[in-house]
Amino acid sequence: MSVDVEDYFMVRPLPVLFLGAAGRNGRACRANTERVLDLFDRYQVKATFFFVGWIATSSPSRARRSCRGHELACHSYWHRTVYSLTPQEFRSDTRDAGSSH
């Protein structure tokens, strides 16, 4: 089982200007992650939670709480498609994601 932990604007990459709105709308992402964790606890399901680096950086406590026996994994930093990045941008995104955990 795997779960992608990302906010609504990350499903289809949008300009970075949406990140300002994310602080207001991040509550839904937090609440939904907690709901899924509670369901998994109730039914003793273990999963891998793929956190977008930006989410992990903006809410490290949520990433830590997701440990509850689950595996944490990285889902890039900005959730941009690999084919839209230059090799240097991909390298930078990967490094940023690695340092966010």
Protein backbone atom coordinates (compact mmCIF):
# COMPACT_ATOMS: atom_id res chain seq x y z
CA MET A 1 0.00 0.00 0.00
CA SER A 2 1.33 3.47 -0.74
CA VAL A 3 0.02 6.95 -0.11
CA ASP A 4 1.12 10.16 -1.83
CA VAL A 5 1.16 13.07 0.62
CA GLU A 6 0.77 16.21 -1.46
CA ASP A 7 -1.51 19.21 -1.55
CA TYR A 8 -4.22 19.85 -4.13
CA PHE A 9 -2.13 22.24 -6.23
CA MET A 10 0.65 19.65 -6.59
CA VAL A 11 -1.39 17.10 -8.50
CA ARG A 12 -0.87 19.10 -11.65
CA PRO A 13 2.15 21.35 -11.24
CA LEU A 14 1.11 24.98 -10.99
CA PRO A 15 3.24 28.10 -10.70
CA VAL A 16 5.05 28.61 -7.42
CA LEU A 17 2.77 31.58 -6.64
CA PHE A 18 0.21 29.02 -5.41
CA LEU A 19 2.50 28.19 -2.51
CA GLY A 20 1.27 31.32 -0.72
CA ALA A 21 -2.25 29.92 -0.72
CA ALA A 22 -0.99 26.55 0.46
CA GLY A 23 -0.48 27.81 3.99
CA ARG A 24 -4.20 28.49 4.21
CA ASN A 25 -5.27 25.33 2.43
CA GLY A 26 -2.77 22.93 4.00
CA ARG A 27 -5.33 22.09 6.67
CA ALA A 28 -7.16 19.75 4.29
CA CYS A 29 -3.96 17.88 3.46
CA ARG A 30 -3.16 17.53 7.17
CA ALA A 31 -6.66 16.37 8.04
CA ASN A 32 -6.79 13.88 5.18
CA THR A 33 -3.40 12.43 6.08
CA GLU A 34 -4.52 12.00 9.70
CA ARG A 35 -7.75 10.34 8.53
CA VAL A 36 -5.85 7.84 6.42
CA LEU A 37 -3.42 7.14 9.28
CA ASP A 38 -6.31 6.52 11.67
CA LEU A 39 -7.97 4.12 9.22
CA PHE A 40 -4.71 2.26 8.70
CA ASP A 41 -4.25 2.01 12.47
CA ARG A 42 -7.78 0.70 12.92
CA TYR A 43 -7.34 -2.03 10.28
CA GLN A 44 -3.65 -2.68 11.00
CA VAL A 45 -2.55 -1.70 7.50
CA LYS A 46 1.07 -0.74 6.90
CA ALA A 47 1.99 1.54 4.02
CA THR A 48 4.69 3.65 2.47
CA PHE A 49 3.92 7.37 2.68
CA PHE A 50 5.52 9.28 -0.19
CA PHE A 51 5.94 12.84 1.04
CA VAL A 52 6.57 15.69 -1.36
CA GLY A 53 9.61 17.44 0.10
CA TRP A 54 7.85 20.80 0.30
CA ILE A 55 5.11 19.24 2.46
CA ALA A 56 7.66 17.55 4.73
CA THR A 57 9.53 20.85 5.14
CA SER A 58 6.39 22.87 5.79
CA SER A 59 5.05 20.34 8.28
CA PRO A 60 7.83 18.18 9.74
CA SER A 61 5.64 17.12 12.67
CA ARG A 62 3.13 15.56 10.24
CA ALA A 63 5.91 13.65 8.53
CA ARG A 64 7.18 12.39 11.89
CA ARG A 65 3.67 11.39 13.04
CA SER A 66 3.26 9.41 9.84
CA CYS A 67 5.93 7.07 11.10
CA ARG A 68 3.39 5.21 13.27
CA GLY A 69 5.13 2.08 11.99
CA HIS A 70 4.84 3.14 8.35
CA GLU A 71 7.69 3.64 5.92
CA LEU A 72 8.41 7.23 4.86
CA ALA A 73 9.61 7.92 1.34
CA CYS A 74 10.41 10.92 -0.80
CA HIS A 75 8.26 12.01 -3.73
CA SER A 76 10.56 14.77 -5.07
CA TYR A 77 10.57 18.26 -3.62
CA TRP A 78 8.12 20.15 -5.85
CA HIS A 79 6.26 17.23 -7.50
CA ARG A 80 7.23 18.28 -11.01
CA THR A 81 7.31 15.75 -13.82
CA VAL A 82 10.79 14.45 -14.57
CA TYR A 83 10.37 14.98 -18.32
CA SER A 84 9.73 18.69 -17.76
CA LEU A 85 13.06 19.20 -15.93
CA THR A 86 16.55 19.68 -17.22
CA PRO A 87 19.15 17.31 -15.75
CA GLN A 88 20.36 20.15 -13.48
CA GLU A 89 16.81 20.94 -12.28
CA PHE A 90 16.20 17.25 -11.57
CA ARG A 91 19.47 17.04 -9.61
CA SER A 92 18.56 20.16 -7.61
CA ASP A 93 15.02 18.93 -6.89
CA THR A 94 16.34 15.56 -5.75
CA ARG A 95 18.93 17.16 -3.47
CA ASP A 96 16.34 19.54 -2.00
CA ALA A 97 13.97 16.65 -1.35
CA GLY A 98 16.69 14.63 0.37
CA SER A 99 17.53 17.49 2.69
CA SER A 100 13.87 18.08 3.63
CA HIS A 101 13.53 14.83 5.58
